[in-house]
Amino acid sequence: MDIRCRKTSCAYNDRYTCKAKAIDISKSCLCRKFEKGEEAVDKTKNMFSRTPSYAPQRNSKTIKIECYAHCLFNKNGLCQANGITLNDLKNRPYCITFLRK
């Protein structure tokens, strides 16, 4: 499973890969595990000036993804998607893999 996060100010974000032990997506598709990191650097200002560095993909067996959204990939409270992407929308970490059931 490919777990990508574009919320660059999160403490768990390592080069666009989530390093949290678990992810918890609320009914409103917000990531409840978000923690503001020490360095809140806005990487979007220079995102087209050079190729970004990405951390290695994580195996889905090493992370528990709980989901409470009314989503097609939600199976009994666990995400069954092939991969998820969290995006920084309105300064909040939203799951954009969400597909309404």
PDB file of N, CA and C in Angstrom:
ATOM      1  N   MET A   1       0.846  -1.185   0.000  1.00  0.00           N
ATOM      2  CA  MET A   1       0.000   0.000   0.000  1.00  0.00           C
ATOM      3  C   MET A   1       0.883   1.237   0.000  1.00  0.00           C
ATOM      4  N   ASP A   2       0.563   2.151  -0.834  1.00  0.00           N
ATOM      5  CA  ASP A   2       1.292   3.408  -0.924  1.00  0.00           C
ATOM      6  C   ASP A   2       0.585   4.428  -0.035  1.00  0.00           C
ATOM      7  N   ILE A   3       1.269   4.930   0.955  1.00  0.00           N
ATOM      8  CA  ILE A   3       0.691   5.889   1.892  1.00  0.00           C
ATOM      9  C   ILE A   3       1.432   7.207   1.721  1.00  0.00           C
ATOM     10  N   ARG A   4       0.781   8.155   1.070  1.00  0.00           N
ATOM     11  CA  ARG A   4       1.397   9.450   0.792  1.00  0.00           C
ATOM     12  C   ARG A   4       0.703  10.539   1.590  1.00  0.00           C
ATOM     13  N   CYS A   5       1.488  11.482   2.061  1.00  0.00           N
ATOM     14  CA  CYS A   5       0.945  12.595   2.835  1.00  0.00           C
ATOM     15  C   CYS A   5       1.545  13.897   2.328  1.00  0.00           C
ATOM     16  N   ARG A   6       0.683  14.822   2.002  1.00  0.00           N
ATOM     17  CA  ARG A   6       1.134  16.134   1.528  1.00  0.00           C
ATOM     18  C   ARG A   6       1.002  17.193   2.615  1.00  0.00           C
ATOM     19  N   LYS A   7       0.667  16.782   3.830  1.00  0.00           N
ATOM     20  CA  LYS A   7       0.587  17.706   4.969  1.00  0.00           C
ATOM     21  C   LYS A   7       2.002  17.830   5.517  1.00  0.00           C
ATOM     22  N   THR A   8       2.799  18.685   4.884  1.00  0.00           N
ATOM     23  CA  THR A   8       4.234  18.751   5.177  1.00  0.00           C
ATOM     24  C   THR A   8       4.560  19.281   6.569  1.00  0.00           C
ATOM     25  N   SER A   9       3.603  19.911   7.235  1.00  0.00           N
ATOM     26  CA  SER A   9       3.876  20.417   8.581  1.00  0.00           C
ATOM     27  C   SER A   9       3.600  19.378   9.661  1.00  0.00           C
ATOM     28  N   CYS A  10       3.245  18.151   9.283  1.00  0.00           N
ATOM     29  CA  CYS A  10       2.954  17.099  10.269  1.00  0.00           C
ATOM     30  C   CYS A  10       4.247  16.465  10.774  1.00  0.00           C
ATOM     31  N   ALA A  11       4.293  16.154  12.044  1.00  0.00           N
ATOM     32  CA  ALA A  11       5.465  15.539  12.666  1.00  0.00           C
ATOM     33  C   ALA A  11       5.754  14.150  12.093  1.00  0.00           C
ATOM     34  N   TYR A  12       4.727  13.466  11.561  1.00  0.00           N
ATOM     35  CA  TYR A  12       4.891  12.108  11.030  1.00  0.00           C
ATOM     36  C   TYR A  12       5.253  12.079   9.549  1.00  0.00           C
ATOM     37  N   ASN A  13       5.294  13.226   8.901  1.00  0.00           N
ATOM     38  CA  ASN A  13       5.573  13.279   7.473  1.00  0.00           C
ATOM     39  C   ASN A  13       7.075  13.228   7.234  1.00  0.00           C
ATOM     40  N   ASP A  14       7.514  12.170   6.545  1.00  0.00           N
ATOM     41  CA  ASP A  14       8.918  12.030   6.165  1.00  0.00           C
ATOM     42  C   ASP A  14       8.976  12.015   4.642  1.00  0.00           C
ATOM     43  N   ARG A  15       9.284  13.159   4.039  1.00  0.00           N
ATOM     44  CA  ARG A  15       9.382  13.271   2.592  1.00  0.00           C
ATOM     45  C   ARG A  15       8.150  12.687   1.902  1.00  0.00           C
ATOM     46  N   TYR A  16       6.979  13.145   2.333  1.00  0.00           N
ATOM     47  CA  TYR A  16       5.679  12.813   1.743  1.00  0.00           C
ATOM     48  C   TYR A  16       5.201  11.392   2.038  1.00  0.00           C
ATOM     49  N   THR A  17       5.842  10.685   2.964  1.00  0.00           N
ATOM     50  CA  THR A  17       5.387   9.370   3.403  1.00  0.00           C
ATOM     51  C   THR A  17       5.064   9.448   4.889  1.00  0.00           C
ATOM     52  N   CYS A  18       3.895   8.935   5.271  1.00  0.00           N
ATOM     53  CA  CYS A  18       3.489   8.970   6.673  1.00  0.00           C
ATOM     54  C   CYS A  18       4.245   7.916   7.457  1.00  0.00           C
ATOM     55  N   LYS A  19       4.860   8.322   8.561  1.00  0.00           N
ATOM     56  CA  LYS A  19       5.625   7.415   9.412  1.00  0.00           C
ATOM     57  C   LYS A  19       4.924   7.127  10.744  1.00  0.00           C
ATOM     58  N   ALA A  20       3.649   7.505  10.854  1.00  0.00           N
ATOM     59  CA  ALA A  20       2.900   7.220  12.085  1.00  0.00           C
ATOM     60  C   ALA A  20       2.670   5.710  12.203  1.00  0.00           C
ATOM     61  N   LYS A  21       2.529   5.222  13.432  1.00  0.00           N
ATOM     62  CA  LYS A  21       2.280   3.796  13.650  1.00  0.00           C
ATOM     63  C   LYS A  21       0.874   3.410  13.226  1.00  0.00           C
ATOM     64  N   ALA A  22      -0.028   4.396  13.229  1.00  0.00           N
ATOM     65  CA  ALA A  22      -1.411   4.165  12.825  1.00  0.00           C
ATOM     66  C   ALA A  22      -1.965   5.466  12.262  1.00  0.00           C
ATOM     67  N   ILE A  23      -2.960   5.328  11.397  1.00  0.00           N
ATOM     68  CA  ILE A  23      -3.659   6.482  10.842  1.00  0.00           C
ATOM     69  C   ILE A  23      -5.122   6.337  11.220  1.00  0.00           C
ATOM     70  N   ASP A  24      -5.739   7.433  11.584  1.00  0.00           N
ATOM     71  CA  ASP A  24      -7.133   7.431  12.020  1.00  0.00           C
ATOM     72  C   ASP A  24      -7.878   8.497  11.219  1.00  0.00           C
ATOM     73  N   ILE A  25      -8.762   8.060  10.325  1.00  0.00           N
ATOM     74  CA  ILE A  25      -9.519   8.977   9.472  1.00  0.00           C
ATOM     75  C   ILE A  25     -10.924   9.143  10.057  1.00  0.00           C
ATOM     76  N   SER A  26     -11.317  10.376  10.296  1.00  0.00           N
ATOM     77  CA  SER A  26     -12.617  10.666  10.907  1.00  0.00           C
ATOM     78  C   SER A  26     -13.749  10.564   9.883  1.00  0.00           C
ATOM     79  N   LYS A  27     -14.979  10.704  10.352  1.00  0.00           N
ATOM     80  CA  LYS A  27     -16.148  10.680   9.465  1.00  0.00           C
ATOM     81  C   LYS A  27     -16.088  11.784   8.427  1.00  0.00           C
ATOM     82  N   SER A  28     -15.443  12.894   8.768  1.00  0.00           N
ATOM     83  CA  SER A  28     -15.339  14.016   7.833  1.00  0.00           C
ATOM     84  C   SER A  28     -14.080  13.922   6.961  1.00  0.00           C
ATOM     85  N   CYS A  29     -13.417  12.772   6.954  1.00  0.00           N
ATOM     86  CA  CYS A  29     -12.222  12.482   6.147  1.00  0.00           C
ATOM     87  C   CYS A  29     -10.962  13.202   6.624  1.00  0.00           C
ATOM     88  N   LEU A  30     -10.953  13.717   7.841  1.00  0.00           N
ATOM     89  CA  LEU A  30      -9.758  14.349   8.412  1.00  0.00           C
ATOM     90  C   LEU A  30      -8.875  13.307   9.092  1.00  0.00           C
ATOM     91  N   CYS A  31      -7.568  13.479   8.971  1.00  0.00           N
ATOM     92  CA  CYS A  31      -6.625  12.613   9.680  1.00  0.00           C
ATOM     93  C   CYS A  31      -6.517  13.096  11.119  1.00  0.00           C
ATOM     94  N   ARG A  32      -6.957  12.250  12.056  1.00  0.00           N
ATOM     95  CA  ARG A  32      -6.930  12.642  13.468  1.00  0.00           C
ATOM     96  C   ARG A  32      -5.565  12.417  14.117  1.00  0.00           C
ATOM     97  N   LYS A  33      -4.629  11.817  13.406  1.00  0.00           N
ATOM     98  CA  LYS A  33      -3.282  11.605  13.950  1.00  0.00           C
ATOM     99  C   LYS A  33      -2.350  12.785  13.679  1.00  0.00           C
ATOM    100  N   PHE A  34      -2.829  13.782  12.961  1.00  0.00           N
ATOM    101  CA  PHE A  34      -1.989  14.937  12.634  1.00  0.00           C
ATOM    102  C   PHE A  34      -1.437  15.590  13.889  1.00  0.00           C
ATOM    103  N   GLU A  35      -0.123  15.786  13.891  1.00  0.00           N
ATOM    104  CA  GLU A  35       0.570  16.519  14.957  1.00  0.00           C
ATOM    105  C   GLU A  35       1.492  17.513  14.289  1.00  0.00           C
ATOM    106  N   LYS A  36       1.365  18.756  14.680  1.00  0.00           N
ATOM    107  CA  LYS A  36       2.211  19.790  14.087  1.00  0.00           C
ATOM    108  C   LYS A  36       3.667  19.521  14.456  1.00  0.00           C
ATOM    109  N   GLY A  37       4.524  19.509  13.451  1.00  0.00           N
ATOM    110  CA  GLY A  37       5.939  19.265  13.661  1.00  0.00           C
ATOM    111  C   GLY A  37       6.653  20.512  14.144  1.00  0.00           C
ATOM    112  N   GLU A  38       7.893  20.334  14.528  1.00  0.00           N
ATOM    113  CA  GLU A  38       8.696  21.470  15.008  1.00  0.00           C
ATOM    114  C   GLU A  38       8.950  22.471  13.903  1.00  0.00           C
ATOM    115  N   GLU A  39       9.208  21.973  12.698  1.00  0.00           N
ATOM    116  CA  GLU A  39       9.470  22.850  11.567  1.00  0.00           C
ATOM    117  C   GLU A  39       8.279  22.804  10.627  1.00  0.00           C
ATOM    118  N   ALA A  40       7.530  23.878  10.564  1.00  0.00           N
ATOM    119  CA  ALA A  40       6.395  23.959   9.648  1.00  0.00           C
ATOM    120  C   ALA A  40       6.836  24.697   8.394  1.00  0.00           C
ATOM    121  N   VAL A  41       7.611  24.016   7.567  1.00  0.00           N
ATOM    122  CA  VAL A  41       8.153  24.616   6.360  1.00  0.00           C
ATOM    123  C   VAL A  41       7.144  24.450   5.223  1.00  0.00           C
ATOM    124  N   ASP A  42       6.848  25.536   4.519  1.00  0.00           N
ATOM    125  CA  ASP A  42       5.939  25.479   3.384  1.00  0.00           C
ATOM    126  C   ASP A  42       6.736  25.068   2.152  1.00  0.00           C
ATOM    127  N   LYS A  43       6.667  23.786   1.807  1.00  0.00           N
ATOM    128  CA  LYS A  43       7.424  23.258   0.678  1.00  0.00           C
ATOM    129  C   LYS A  43       6.757  23.546  -0.658  1.00  0.00           C
ATOM    130  N   THR A  44       5.530  24.034  -0.628  1.00  0.00           N
ATOM    131  CA  THR A  44       4.813  24.294  -1.873  1.00  0.00           C
ATOM    132  C   THR A  44       5.370  25.500  -2.613  1.00  0.00           C
ATOM    133  N   LYS A  45       6.059  26.388  -1.918  1.00  0.00           N
ATOM    134  CA  LYS A  45       6.611  27.586  -2.567  1.00  0.00           C
ATOM    135  C   LYS A  45       7.651  27.237  -3.631  1.00  0.00           C
ATOM    136  N   ASN A  46       8.390  26.149  -3.426  1.00  0.00           N
ATOM    137  CA  ASN A  46       9.457  25.765  -4.348  1.00  0.00           C
ATOM    138  C   ASN A  46       9.218  24.405  -5.002  1.00  0.00           C
ATOM    139  N   MET A  47       7.987  23.946  -4.999  1.00  0.00           N
ATOM    140  CA  MET A  47       7.745  22.569  -5.425  1.00  0.00           C
ATOM    141  C   MET A  47       8.050  22.320  -6.910  1.00  0.00           C
ATOM    142  N   PHE A  48       8.043  23.335  -7.741  1.00  0.00           N
ATOM    143  CA  PHE A  48       8.329  23.129  -9.158  1.00  0.00           C
ATOM    144  C   PHE A  48       9.754  23.519  -9.537  1.00  0.00           C
ATOM    145  N   SER A  49      10.538  23.979  -8.594  1.00  0.00           N
ATOM    146  CA  SER A  49      11.905  24.379  -8.896  1.00  0.00           C
ATOM    147  C   SER A  49      12.858  23.180  -8.945  1.00  0.00           C
ATOM    148  N   ARG A  50      12.513  22.103  -8.255  1.00  0.00           N
ATOM    149  CA  ARG A  50      13.332  20.888  -8.305  1.00  0.00           C
ATOM    150  C   ARG A  50      12.466  19.680  -7.958  1.00  0.00           C
ATOM    151  N   THR A  51      12.922  18.503  -8.323  1.00  0.00           N
ATOM    152  CA  THR A  51      12.187  17.271  -8.059  1.00  0.00           C
ATOM    153  C   THR A  51      12.201  16.985  -6.559  1.00  0.00           C
ATOM    154  N   PRO A  52      11.037  16.736  -5.960  1.00  0.00           N
ATOM    155  CA  PRO A  52      11.014  16.455  -4.529  1.00  0.00           C
ATOM    156  C   PRO A  52      11.615  15.092  -4.205  1.00  0.00           C
ATOM    157  N   SER A  53      12.110  14.958  -3.004  1.00  0.00           N
ATOM    158  CA  SER A  53      12.655  13.698  -2.522  1.00  0.00           C
ATOM    159  C   SER A  53      11.549  12.955  -1.775  1.00  0.00           C
ATOM    160  N   TYR A  54      11.304  11.704  -2.163  1.00  0.00           N
ATOM    161  CA  TYR A  54      10.271  10.901  -1.531  1.00  0.00           C
ATOM    162  C   TYR A  54      10.901   9.808  -0.681  1.00  0.00           C
ATOM    163  N   ALA A  55      10.315   9.552   0.487  1.00  0.00           N
ATOM    164  CA  ALA A  55      10.763   8.448   1.337  1.00  0.00           C
ATOM    165  C   ALA A  55      10.246   7.147   0.734  1.00  0.00           C
ATOM    166  N   PRO A  56      10.864   6.009   1.061  1.00  0.00           N
ATOM    167  CA  PRO A  56      10.396   4.725   0.531  1.00  0.00           C
ATOM    168  C   PRO A  56       8.946   4.439   0.928  1.00  0.00           C
ATOM    169  N   GLN A  57       8.269   3.696   0.065  1.00  0.00           N
ATOM    170  CA  GLN A  57       6.888   3.305   0.301  1.00  0.00           C
ATOM    171  C   GLN A  57       6.800   2.417   1.531  1.00  0.00           C
ATOM    172  N   ARG A  58       5.703   2.531   2.277  1.00  0.00           N
ATOM    173  CA  ARG A  58       5.501   1.692   3.457  1.00  0.00           C
ATOM    174  C   ARG A  58       4.620   0.507   3.116  1.00  0.00           C
ATOM    175  N   ASN A  59       4.861  -0.613   3.779  1.00  0.00           N
ATOM    176  CA  ASN A  59       4.034  -1.801   3.617  1.00  0.00           C
ATOM    177  C   ASN A  59       2.785  -1.643   4.473  1.00  0.00           C
ATOM    178  N   SER A  60       1.625  -1.974   3.934  1.00  0.00           N
ATOM    179  CA  SER A  60       0.368  -1.812   4.666  1.00  0.00           C
ATOM    180  C   SER A  60       0.302  -2.687   5.916  1.00  0.00           C
ATOM    181  N   LYS A  61       1.132  -3.721   5.994  1.00  0.00           N
ATOM    182  CA  LYS A  61       1.138  -4.590   7.171  1.00  0.00           C
ATOM    183  C   LYS A  61       1.795  -3.914   8.367  1.00  0.00           C
ATOM    184  N   THR A  62       2.528  -2.826   8.132  1.00  0.00           N
ATOM    185  CA  THR A  62       3.225  -2.143   9.225  1.00  0.00           C
ATOM    186  C   THR A  62       2.441  -0.962   9.776  1.00  0.00           C
ATOM    187  N   ILE A  63       1.263  -0.691   9.210  1.00  0.00           N
ATOM    188  CA  ILE A  63       0.485   0.452   9.668  1.00  0.00           C
ATOM    189  C   ILE A  63      -0.999   0.094   9.695  1.00  0.00           C
ATOM    190  N   LYS A  64      -1.664   0.498  10.755  1.00  0.00           N
ATOM    191  CA  LYS A  64      -3.102   0.278  10.892  1.00  0.00           C
ATOM    192  C   LYS A  64      -3.809   1.557  10.469  1.00  0.00           C
ATOM    193  N   ILE A  65      -4.716   1.432   9.510  1.00  0.00           N
ATOM    194  CA  ILE A  65      -5.446   2.598   9.026  1.00  0.00           C
ATOM    195  C   ILE A  65      -6.912   2.437   9.403  1.00  0.00           C
ATOM    196  N   GLU A  66      -7.307   3.127  10.467  1.00  0.00           N
ATOM    197  CA  GLU A  66      -8.704   3.114  10.894  1.00  0.00           C
ATOM    198  C   GLU A  66      -9.456   4.174  10.110  1.00  0.00           C
ATOM    199  N   CYS A  67     -10.693   3.858   9.727  1.00  0.00           N
ATOM    200  CA  CYS A  67     -11.480   4.791   8.939  1.00  0.00           C
ATOM    201  C   CYS A  67     -12.924   4.787   9.427  1.00  0.00           C
ATOM    202  N   TYR A  68     -13.457   5.976   9.645  1.00  0.00           N
ATOM    203  CA  TYR A  68     -14.842   6.119  10.102  1.00  0.00           C
ATOM    204  C   TYR A  68     -15.688   6.880   9.093  1.00  0.00           C
ATOM    205  N   ALA A  69     -15.116   7.159   7.919  1.00  0.00           N
ATOM    206  CA  ALA A  69     -15.844   7.864   6.869  1.00  0.00           C
ATOM    207  C   ALA A  69     -16.779   6.896   6.150  1.00  0.00           C
ATOM    208  N   HIS A  70     -17.835   7.425   5.560  1.00  0.00           N
ATOM    209  CA  HIS A  70     -18.771   6.619   4.775  1.00  0.00           C
ATOM    210  C   HIS A  70     -18.149   6.440   3.387  1.00  0.00           C
ATOM    211  N   CYS A  71     -17.114   5.597   3.326  1.00  0.00           N
ATOM    212  CA  CYS A  71     -16.258   5.459   2.154  1.00  0.00           C
ATOM    213  C   CYS A  71     -16.338   4.044   1.585  1.00  0.00           C
ATOM    214  N   LEU A  72     -16.167   3.947   0.289  1.00  0.00           N
ATOM    215  CA  LEU A  72     -16.172   2.667  -0.410  1.00  0.00           C
ATOM    216  C   LEU A  72     -15.091   1.716   0.125  1.00  0.00           C
ATOM    217  N   PHE A  73     -13.965   2.267   0.575  1.00  0.00           N
ATOM    218  CA  PHE A  73     -12.839   1.456   1.046  1.00  0.00           C
ATOM    219  C   PHE A  73     -12.909   1.110   2.537  1.00  0.00           C
ATOM    220  N   ASN A  74     -13.899   1.614   3.245  1.00  0.00           N
ATOM    221  CA  ASN A  74     -14.051   1.349   4.675  1.00  0.00           C
ATOM    222  C   ASN A  74     -14.716  -0.010   4.870  1.00  0.00           C
ATOM    223  N   LYS A  75     -13.982  -0.945   5.423  1.00  0.00           N
ATOM    224  CA  LYS A  75     -14.497  -2.283   5.724  1.00  0.00           C
ATOM    225  C   LYS A  75     -14.401  -2.512   7.219  1.00  0.00           C
ATOM    226  N   ASN A  76     -15.530  -2.358   7.891  1.00  0.00           N
ATOM    227  CA  ASN A  76     -15.602  -2.557   9.344  1.00  0.00           C
ATOM    228  C   ASN A  76     -14.604  -1.701  10.112  1.00  0.00           C
ATOM    229  N   GLY A  77     -14.455  -0.451   9.680  1.00  0.00           N
ATOM    230  CA  GLY A  77     -13.599   0.492  10.389  1.00  0.00           C
ATOM    231  C   GLY A  77     -12.141   0.481   9.976  1.00  0.00           C
ATOM    232  N   LEU A  78     -11.768  -0.332   8.989  1.00  0.00           N
ATOM    233  CA  LEU A  78     -10.391  -0.377   8.500  1.00  0.00           C
ATOM    234  C   LEU A  78     -10.363  -0.058   7.010  1.00  0.00           C
ATOM    235  N   CYS A  79      -9.362   0.695   6.584  1.00  0.00           N
ATOM    236  CA  CYS A  79      -9.226   1.080   5.183  1.00  0.00           C
ATOM    237  C   CYS A  79      -8.688  -0.094   4.372  1.00  0.00           C
ATOM    238  N   GLN A  80      -9.369  -0.416   3.266  1.00  0.00           N
ATOM    239  CA  GLN A  80      -8.963  -1.507   2.388  1.00  0.00           C
ATOM    240  C   GLN A  80      -8.489  -1.013   1.018  1.00  0.00           C
ATOM    241  N   ALA A  81      -8.174   0.267   0.898  1.00  0.00           N
ATOM    242  CA  ALA A  81      -7.699   0.821  -0.370  1.00  0.00           C
ATOM    243  C   ALA A  81      -6.293   0.314  -0.677  1.00  0.00           C
ATOM    244  N   ASN A  82      -5.917   0.319  -1.951  1.00  0.00           N
ATOM    245  CA  ASN A  82      -4.562  -0.077  -2.354  1.00  0.00           C
ATOM    246  C   ASN A  82      -3.522   0.936  -1.909  1.00  0.00           C
ATOM    247  N   GLY A  83      -3.954   2.132  -1.633  1.00  0.00           N
ATOM    248  CA  GLY A  83      -3.074   3.200  -1.173  1.00  0.00           C
ATOM    249  C   GLY A  83      -3.928   4.386  -0.788  1.00  0.00           C
ATOM    250  N   ILE A  84      -3.393   5.257   0.044  1.00  0.00           N
ATOM    251  CA  ILE A  84      -4.134   6.461   0.409  1.00  0.00           C
ATOM    252  C   ILE A  84      -3.228   7.671   0.282  1.00  0.00           C
ATOM    253  N   THR A  85      -3.862   8.796   0.032  1.00  0.00           N
ATOM    254  CA  THR A  85      -3.151  10.067  -0.024  1.00  0.00           C
ATOM    255  C   THR A  85      -3.869  11.056   0.871  1.00  0.00           C
ATOM    256  N   LEU A  86      -3.121  11.691   1.740  1.00  0.00           N
ATOM    257  CA  LEU A  86      -3.643  12.759   2.581  1.00  0.00           C
ATOM    258  C   LEU A  86      -3.133  14.059   1.993  1.00  0.00           C
ATOM    259  N   ASN A  87      -4.040  15.003   1.812  1.00  0.00           N
ATOM    260  CA  ASN A  87      -3.662  16.267   1.200  1.00  0.00           C
ATOM    261  C   ASN A  87      -3.912  17.404   2.178  1.00  0.00           C
ATOM    262  N   ASP A  88      -3.191  18.469   2.004  1.00  0.00           N
ATOM    263  CA  ASP A  88      -3.321  19.653   2.846  1.00  0.00           C
ATOM    264  C   ASP A  88      -4.364  20.572   2.212  1.00  0.00           C
ATOM    265  N   LEU A  89      -5.621  20.410   2.599  1.00  0.00           N
ATOM    266  CA  LEU A  89      -6.715  21.221   2.080  1.00  0.00           C
ATOM    267  C   LEU A  89      -7.244  22.122   3.180  1.00  0.00           C
ATOM    268  N   LYS A  90      -7.326  23.402   2.902  1.00  0.00           N
ATOM    269  CA  LYS A  90      -7.818  24.380   3.877  1.00  0.00           C
ATOM    270  C   LYS A  90      -7.018  24.298   5.183  1.00  0.00           C
ATOM    271  N   ASN A  91      -5.702  24.042   5.048  1.00  0.00           N
ATOM    272  CA  ASN A  91      -4.783  23.909   6.200  1.00  0.00           C
ATOM    273  C   ASN A  91      -5.150  22.764   7.129  1.00  0.00           C
ATOM    274  N   ARG A  92      -5.828  21.759   6.608  1.00  0.00           N
ATOM    275  CA  ARG A  92      -6.186  20.577   7.399  1.00  0.00           C
ATOM    276  C   ARG A  92      -5.848  19.328   6.591  1.00  0.00           C
ATOM    277  N   PRO A  93      -5.506  18.214   7.269  1.00  0.00           N
ATOM    278  CA  PRO A  93      -5.110  16.993   6.564  1.00  0.00           C
ATOM    279  C   PRO A  93      -6.317  16.125   6.176  1.00  0.00           C
ATOM    280  N   TYR A  94      -6.752  16.203   4.930  1.00  0.00           N
ATOM    281  CA  TYR A  94      -7.894  15.432   4.437  1.00  0.00           C
ATOM    282  C   TYR A  94      -7.428  14.201   3.646  1.00  0.00           C
ATOM    283  N   CYS A  95      -8.160  13.103   3.794  1.00  0.00           N
ATOM    284  CA  CYS A  95      -7.939  11.917   2.984  1.00  0.00           C
ATOM    285  C   CYS A  95      -8.610  12.153   1.631  1.00  0.00           C
ATOM    286  N   ILE A  96      -7.827  12.224   0.559  1.00  0.00           N
ATOM    287  CA  ILE A  96      -8.406  12.474  -0.754  1.00  0.00           C
ATOM    288  C   ILE A  96      -8.615  11.186  -1.536  1.00  0.00           C
ATOM    289  N   THR A  97      -8.349  10.049  -0.919  1.00  0.00           N
ATOM    290  CA  THR A  97      -8.646   8.748  -1.531  1.00  0.00           C
ATOM    291  C   THR A  97     -10.125   8.417  -1.336  1.00  0.00           C
ATOM    292  N   PHE A  98     -10.791   9.164  -0.504  1.00  0.00           N
ATOM    293  CA  PHE A  98     -12.197   8.970  -0.161  1.00  0.00           C
ATOM    294  C   PHE A  98     -13.098   8.879  -1.389  1.00  0.00           C
ATOM    295  N   LEU A  99     -13.900   7.809  -1.442  1.00  0.00           N
ATOM    296  CA  LEU A  99     -14.944   7.639  -2.444  1.00  0.00           C
ATOM    297  C   LEU A  99     -16.229   7.277  -1.694  1.00  0.00           C
ATOM    298  N   ARG A 100     -17.247   8.114  -1.830  1.00  0.00           N
ATOM    299  CA  ARG A 100     -18.500   7.879  -1.106  1.00  0.00           C
ATOM    300  C   ARG A 100     -19.099   6.543  -1.498  1.00  0.00           C
ATOM    301  N   LYS A 101     -19.592   5.816  -0.492  1.00  0.00           N
ATOM    302  CA  LYS A 101     -20.272   4.533  -0.724  1.00  0.00           C
ATOM    303  C   LYS A 101     -21.551   4.751  -1.474  1.00  0.00           C
TER     304      LYS A 101
END
